[in-house]
Protein backbone atom coordinates (compact mmCIF):
# COMPACT_ATOMS: atom_id res chain seq x y z
CA MET A 1 150.87 97.28 150.74
CA THR A 2 147.55 95.75 151.65
CA GLU A 3 144.37 97.17 150.20
CA GLY A 4 143.18 98.46 153.59
CA ASN A 5 146.35 100.52 153.95
CA PHE A 6 145.72 102.47 150.76
CA VAL A 7 144.11 105.73 151.85
CA ASP A 8 143.57 108.36 149.14
CA TYR A 9 141.15 110.78 150.83
CA VAL A 10 141.43 112.48 154.25
CA LYS A 11 140.05 115.59 155.92
CA LEU A 12 142.31 117.63 158.22
CA HIS A 13 141.79 120.49 160.65
CA VAL A 14 144.89 122.68 160.84
CA THR A 15 145.65 125.70 163.04
CA SER A 16 148.72 127.89 162.74
CA GLY A 17 150.30 129.62 165.74
CA ASN A 18 149.48 133.09 167.09
CA GLY A 19 152.10 135.81 166.90
CA GLY A 20 153.71 136.84 170.19
CA LYS A 21 152.96 140.20 171.86
CA GLY A 22 155.33 143.10 171.53
CA SER A 23 156.94 144.17 174.82
CA VAL A 24 156.27 147.40 176.69
CA HIS A 25 159.54 148.05 178.53
CA LEU A 26 161.58 151.10 179.50
CA HIS A 27 165.34 150.75 179.78
CA ARG A 28 166.55 150.89 183.37
CA GLU A 29 169.97 150.22 184.82
CA LYS A 30 172.37 151.72 187.35
CA TYR A 31 172.92 155.40 186.71
CA ILE A 32 170.39 155.33 183.85
CA THR A 33 166.98 156.09 185.28
CA LYS A 34 165.28 157.22 182.07
CA GLY A 35 166.75 155.15 179.30
CA GLY A 36 163.79 155.19 176.94
CA PRO A 37 161.74 152.35 175.43
CA ASP A 38 163.44 149.08 174.56
CA GLY A 39 160.58 146.56 174.34
CA GLY A 40 161.26 143.85 171.70
CA ASP A 41 158.98 142.38 169.04
CA GLY A 42 156.92 139.23 169.44
CA GLY A 43 157.90 136.10 167.53
CA ARG A 44 156.04 134.78 164.50
CA GLY A 45 153.51 132.01 165.01
CA GLY A 46 154.34 128.60 163.55
CA HIS A 47 153.20 127.63 160.04
CA ILE A 48 151.43 124.44 158.99
CA ILE A 49 153.44 123.25 155.98
CA LEU A 50 152.58 120.42 153.59
CA ARG A 51 155.76 118.81 152.27
CA ALA A 52 156.17 116.48 149.29
CA ASN A 53 157.64 113.11 150.23
CA PRO A 54 158.53 110.94 147.19
CA ASN A 55 158.84 107.85 149.42
CA MET A 56 155.13 107.90 150.27
CA TRP A 57 152.41 106.27 148.14
CA THR A 58 149.34 106.82 150.31
CA LEU A 59 147.74 109.09 152.94
CA TYR A 60 147.48 106.22 155.42
CA HIS A 61 149.70 108.00 157.98
CA LEU A 62 146.99 110.70 158.27
CA LYS A 63 144.13 108.27 158.80
CA PHE A 64 144.25 108.50 162.60
CA LYS A 65 145.76 111.98 163.07
CA ARG A 66 143.47 114.63 161.66
CA HIS A 67 144.30 117.71 163.80
CA PHE A 68 147.51 119.72 163.54
CA ARG A 69 148.37 122.79 165.62
CA ALA A 70 151.55 124.84 165.25
CA GLY A 71 153.35 126.56 168.14
CA HIS A 72 152.67 130.14 169.24
CA GLY A 73 155.29 132.86 168.94
CA GLU A 74 156.99 133.96 172.18
CA HIS A 75 156.42 137.48 173.51
CA GLY A 76 159.08 140.17 173.09
CA SER A 77 161.20 141.22 176.03
CA LYS A 78 163.56 143.95 177.19
CA ASN A 79 166.73 145.10 175.39
CA ARG A 80 164.82 144.88 172.10
CA SER A 81 164.87 141.08 172.34
CA THR A 82 162.58 139.46 169.78
CA GLY A 83 160.54 136.50 170.97
CA ALA A 84 161.25 133.06 169.48
CA ASP A 85 159.16 131.98 166.48
CA GLY A 86 156.56 129.29 167.05
CA GLU A 87 157.38 125.75 165.96
CA ASP A 88 156.42 124.99 162.36
CA ILE A 89 154.53 121.73 161.78
CA PHE A 90 155.43 119.75 158.65
CA VAL A 91 152.88 117.31 157.24
CA ASP A 92 154.42 114.90 154.71
CA VAL A 93 152.22 113.89 151.77
CA PRO A 94 152.89 111.81 148.63
CA LEU A 95 153.37 113.29 145.19
CA GLY A 96 150.06 113.73 143.39
CA THR A 97 148.18 115.11 146.41
CA VAL A 98 145.50 117.73 145.74
CA ILE A 99 144.62 120.14 148.57
CA ARG A 100 141.08 121.48 148.70
CA GLU A 101 139.26 123.80 151.09
CA THR A 102 136.69 121.46 152.63
CA GLU A 103 133.72 123.83 152.69
CA THR A 104 134.00 125.26 149.17
CA GLN A 105 135.88 122.32 147.55
CA LYS A 106 138.12 124.93 145.92
CA ILE A 107 141.53 123.58 144.92
CA LEU A 108 144.18 125.46 146.88
CA HIS A 109 147.36 123.66 145.76
CA GLU A 110 148.70 120.51 144.16
CA ILE A 111 151.82 118.66 145.28
CA VAL A 112 153.56 117.37 142.16
CA GLU A 113 157.31 118.01 142.61
CA GLU A 114 159.86 116.42 144.91
CA GLY A 115 160.89 118.79 147.71
CA GLN A 116 157.84 121.04 147.21
CA GLU A 117 156.60 122.78 150.36
CA ILE A 118 153.25 124.59 150.69
CA ILE A 119 152.36 126.82 153.65
CA ILE A 120 148.70 125.90 154.05
CA ALA A 121 148.09 127.92 157.26
CA GLU A 122 150.38 130.87 157.87
CA GLY A 123 151.44 131.76 161.40
CA GLY A 124 150.42 135.15 162.75
CA MET A 125 152.97 137.97 162.73
CA GLY A 126 154.46 139.02 166.05
CA GLY A 127 153.49 142.42 167.45
CA ARG A 128 156.01 145.28 167.44
CA GLY A 129 157.55 146.37 170.72
CA ASN A 130 157.20 149.88 172.13
CA TRP A 131 160.62 151.05 170.93
CA HIS A 132 159.13 151.22 167.39
CA PHE A 133 156.68 153.90 168.52
CA LYS A 134 159.01 156.45 170.11
CA SER A 135 159.03 159.87 168.52
CA SER A 136 160.02 163.43 169.30
CA VAL A 137 156.60 164.07 170.83
CA ASN A 138 156.24 160.71 172.59
CA GLN A 139 159.61 159.57 173.90
CA THR A 140 158.26 156.96 176.31
CA PRO A 141 155.41 155.10 174.58
CA ARG A 142 153.76 152.71 177.00
CA TYR A 143 152.01 150.55 174.44
CA ALA A 144 152.95 147.84 171.94
CA GLN A 145 151.18 145.75 169.33
CA PRO A 146 149.51 142.44 170.18
CA GLY A 147 150.39 139.47 167.98
CA ILE A 148 148.20 138.58 165.03
CA PRO A 149 146.13 135.39 165.53
CA GLY A 150 146.97 132.34 163.42
CA GLU A 151 144.76 130.79 160.76
CA GLU A 152 142.34 127.91 161.27
CA ILE A 153 141.19 125.96 158.24
CA ASN A 154 139.60 122.65 157.26
CA ILE A 155 141.28 121.04 154.28
CA THR A 156 140.68 117.89 152.25
CA LEU A 157 143.58 115.93 150.78
CA GLU A 158 142.93 113.83 147.69
CA LEU A 159 145.57 111.58 146.22
CA LYS A 160 145.72 111.15 142.46
CA VAL A 161 148.07 108.28 141.77
CA LEU A 162 151.17 109.21 139.77
CA ALA A 163 151.85 106.42 137.28
CA ASP A 164 153.04 106.19 133.69
CA VAL A 165 150.39 103.70 132.58
CA GLY A 166 146.85 103.39 133.92
CA LEU A 167 144.92 100.13 133.44
CA VAL A 168 141.32 100.80 132.43
CA GLY A 169 138.64 98.16 132.07
CA PHE A 170 135.42 96.65 133.33
CA PRO A 171 135.40 94.69 136.60
CA ASN A 172 136.98 91.24 136.32
CA ALA A 173 138.71 92.04 133.01
CA GLY A 174 142.05 90.71 134.28
CA LYS A 175 143.77 93.98 135.25
CA SER A 176 145.05 92.73 138.61
CA THR A 177 146.27 89.48 137.05
CA LEU A 178 148.24 91.42 134.41
CA LEU A 179 149.78 93.67 137.06
CA SER A 180 150.79 90.68 139.19
CA VAL A 181 152.48 88.99 136.21
CA ILE A 182 154.52 91.89 134.76
CA THR A 183 155.39 93.59 138.09
CA ALA A 184 156.25 92.47 141.62
CA ALA A 185 152.93 93.82 142.93
CA LYS A 186 150.65 91.40 144.76
CA PRO A 187 147.09 92.69 144.21
CA LYS A 188 144.08 90.73 145.41
CA ILE A 189 142.83 88.42 142.63
CA ALA A 190 139.52 86.56 142.60
CA ASP A 191 136.82 85.50 140.12
CA TYR A 192 134.22 88.07 141.17
CA GLU A 193 133.66 91.70 140.24
CA PHE A 194 135.17 94.59 142.23
CA THR A 195 137.89 92.43 143.75
CA THR A 196 140.04 95.56 143.49
CA LEU A 197 138.62 98.45 145.51
CA LYS A 198 141.76 100.62 145.70
CA PRO A 199 144.42 101.37 143.05
CA ASN A 200 147.51 99.15 143.05
CA LEU A 201 150.89 100.28 141.77
CA GLY A 202 153.61 98.14 140.27
CA ILE A 203 156.98 98.81 138.65
CA VAL A 204 157.40 97.16 135.25
CA GLU A 205 160.97 96.08 134.49
CA TYR A 206 161.90 96.74 130.87
CA ARG A 207 165.04 96.08 128.84
CA ASN A 208 168.45 97.39 130.02
CA PHE A 209 167.23 97.85 133.60
CA GLN A 210 164.74 100.54 132.60
CA THR A 211 161.39 100.74 134.38
CA PHE A 212 158.00 102.41 134.29
CA VAL A 213 155.11 102.51 136.75
CA MET A 214 151.73 100.88 136.06
CA ALA A 215 148.54 101.47 138.09
CA ASP A 216 145.69 98.98 138.35
CA ILE A 217 142.58 101.17 138.63
CA PRO A 218 139.38 99.57 140.04
CA GLY A 219 136.94 98.45 137.36
CA ILE A 220 134.72 100.99 135.62
CA ILE A 221 130.99 100.36 135.28
CA GLU A 222 128.53 102.21 133.10
CA GLY A 223 127.51 105.36 134.97
CA ALA A 224 130.78 105.68 136.88
CA ALA A 225 131.11 109.33 135.78
CA GLU A 226 127.91 110.07 137.73
CA GLY A 227 129.34 108.33 140.80
CA LYS A 228 127.77 104.89 140.33
CA GLY A 229 129.69 102.01 141.87
CA ILE A 230 132.81 103.66 143.26
CA GLY A 231 132.88 106.15 140.36
CA HIS A 232 134.61 109.37 141.40
CA ARG A 233 136.70 107.63 144.05
CA PHE A 234 138.89 106.04 141.40
CA LEU A 235 138.32 107.98 138.16
CA ARG A 236 140.51 110.80 139.51
CA HIS A 237 143.48 108.40 139.62
CA ILE A 238 143.39 108.11 135.83
CA GLU A 239 143.95 111.86 135.40
CA ARG A 240 147.70 111.70 136.08
CA ASN A 241 148.55 108.68 133.92
CA SER A 242 150.30 109.63 130.69
CA THR A 243 149.15 106.50 128.82
CA LEU A 244 145.90 104.54 129.22
CA LEU A 245 145.87 100.79 128.62
CA PHE A 246 142.34 99.54 127.95
CA LEU A 247 142.00 95.89 128.94
CA ILE A 248 139.13 94.01 127.30
CA PRO A 249 138.76 90.20 127.54
CA ALA A 250 138.68 88.21 124.31
CA ASP A 251 135.40 86.56 125.35
CA ALA A 252 133.58 89.90 125.65
CA PRO A 253 130.25 89.93 123.71
CA ASP A 254 131.25 93.09 121.80
CA ILE A 255 134.83 94.36 122.21
CA LYS A 256 134.28 97.62 120.34
CA LYS A 257 131.14 98.43 122.37
CA GLN A 258 132.96 97.79 125.66
CA TYR A 259 135.77 100.09 124.56
CA GLU A 260 133.30 102.83 123.60
CA ILE A 261 131.50 102.58 126.99
CA LEU A 262 134.82 102.92 128.82
CA LEU A 263 135.81 105.85 126.62
CA ASP A 264 132.45 107.54 127.15
CA GLU A 265 132.76 107.28 130.95
CA LEU A 266 136.18 108.94 130.79
CA ARG A 267 134.85 111.67 128.49
CA ARG A 268 131.91 112.43 130.79
CA TYR A 269 134.19 112.59 133.82
CA ASN A 270 136.90 114.73 132.20
CA PRO A 271 137.14 115.30 128.42
CA GLU A 272 140.87 116.00 128.73
CA LEU A 273 141.44 112.31 129.47
CA LEU A 274 140.82 111.58 125.78
CA ASP A 275 143.97 113.54 124.89
CA LYS A 276 146.13 110.82 126.44
CA GLU A 277 147.84 108.05 124.47
CA ARG A 278 145.63 104.93 124.32
CA LEU A 279 146.35 101.27 123.71
CA VAL A 280 143.88 98.36 123.72
CA ALA A 281 144.99 94.99 125.06
CA ILE A 282 142.78 92.00 124.28
CA SER A 283 143.28 89.78 127.35
CA LYS A 284 142.64 86.08 127.92
CA CYS A 285 143.67 85.31 124.31
CA ASP A 286 144.88 81.84 125.38
CA MET A 287 141.22 80.85 124.90
CA LEU A 288 141.50 81.60 121.16
CA ASP A 289 142.82 79.23 118.53
CA GLU A 290 144.60 80.55 115.43
CA GLU A 291 141.42 80.68 113.35
CA LEU A 292 139.44 82.62 115.97
CA GLU A 293 142.33 85.02 116.55
CA ALA A 294 142.64 85.73 112.80
CA GLU A 295 138.89 86.36 112.60
CA LEU A 296 139.02 88.67 115.62
CA LYS A 297 141.97 90.60 114.16
CA GLU A 298 139.97 91.22 111.00
CA GLN A 299 137.08 92.65 113.08
CA LEU A 300 139.38 94.81 115.21
CA ASP A 301 141.23 96.23 112.18
CA ALA A 302 137.89 97.51 110.94
CA ALA A 303 136.73 98.74 114.35
CA PHE A 304 139.81 100.43 115.86
CA THR A 305 141.89 103.38 114.73
CA ILE A 306 144.20 103.02 117.76
CA PRO A 307 146.78 100.24 118.23
CA TYR A 308 145.86 96.96 119.92
CA VAL A 309 147.69 93.86 121.10
CA PHE A 310 146.71 90.31 122.05
CA ILE A 311 147.91 89.11 125.47
CA SER A 312 147.36 86.36 128.01
CA SER A 313 148.52 87.04 131.55
CA VAL A 314 148.00 83.43 132.68
CA ALA A 315 149.81 81.87 129.69
CA GLN A 316 152.24 84.85 129.56
CA GLN A 317 151.67 85.39 125.85
CA GLY A 318 152.34 88.72 124.15
CA LEU A 319 153.57 90.42 127.34
CA GLN A 320 156.97 91.46 125.97
CA GLY A 321 155.26 92.94 122.92
CA LEU A 322 152.92 94.84 125.25
CA LYS A 323 155.89 96.25 127.20
CA ASP A 324 157.62 97.24 123.95
CA LYS A 325 154.53 99.07 122.72
CA LEU A 326 153.98 100.86 126.05
CA TRP A 327 157.62 101.90 126.27
CA GLN A 328 157.47 103.24 122.72
CA MET A 329 154.33 105.27 123.55
CA LEU A 330 155.79 106.61 126.81
CA ASN A 331 158.94 107.80 125.06
CA ALA A 332 157.42 109.02 121.83
C-alpha cells in the first residue's frame, strides 16, 4: 500500500430512511360492502450500519464517498399488507475504527471485533394502518399513522492501527528501515526527517510459522502531545499496540534523554500508554566497535530499568534476538 492510500480520518454524512405511512383502507369486495378497516402498516426505514471488515487496513474507500442515504420504507396497503422495509446501507470499516459525533467529538462506538455491526443511524418506524384503531365505538377509523422520519447525523471515523508492536522514535531513527528488513513491508526510506507521514504495517515471521504485526509510527518530536509536527494524527495509533519498541540510534547525543522525551510525550498524550510493555532497541550499532559497545552497555545498565537490545537493520545484527524478546513480551 502506498503512503497516499493510507487514510485514517474521514468525515461522513449519513441519513437513514423514513418509515412508510400506514394505510387507510376499508375492506370491499363482492357481497361485502362494509367489511371494516384493513389498512396495513408502513415498512421500516433503512438503517445505516457500520460493519467490521478484517480484510481492510485503511479508510481509503471512504475518501471520495462521504454521503450515505438508506432507502425509505414502503407505505402499507389493503388486506393488512405491510409495506417493504427500506434498504439498509452497510459501510465496511477496518478493525480499530473509532466513531465520533462530528459536532461534539463524543465517541459513539468503537469497532474492535470481527463481524461487529453498529447501527449508526436507525431507520424510522413505519406508521400503523387504520385496522389498529378500530374499536367498539369507532368501527371504521379513517386515519392511520404517518411514518417516523429517519435520522441524519454527521460522524467522524478515526482509525487507530491494530498492531502487536508499535515502533516509537524520533524522526530518522531507522524505524522504516527496521520494518523493511524484518517484514515484507516496503515503507518509504530516505535520509531526511519525516520520510514516514503515515503508519506502515508489516507482519513479522517468527519461528515455527508464527507471526505478529508491527507498526511503523511516524517520528515523534518534542511537543507532539500538543499537536506539534503531526502530533495527534499519529499518537492515537500507539494506543492499540500491546508492546512499544523504542528505537534510539547508537549515535544519539544522549540515549537516556531521548528515551525520556519520547516517554514524556506519550505520558502527556495519554498516561495509560505507560502501562504497556516497553523495550528499547539501540539501532545502527554496526557503527560501534566492541570497546564502544561495552562502554555503552555499562552506561545503559545504569540508566535503564527496562530491557534493551543492540541491533543493526542494515548489517542485520541482533534482529533474531529482537524478535525473540518481542515474542516473549507479547506472550508473557
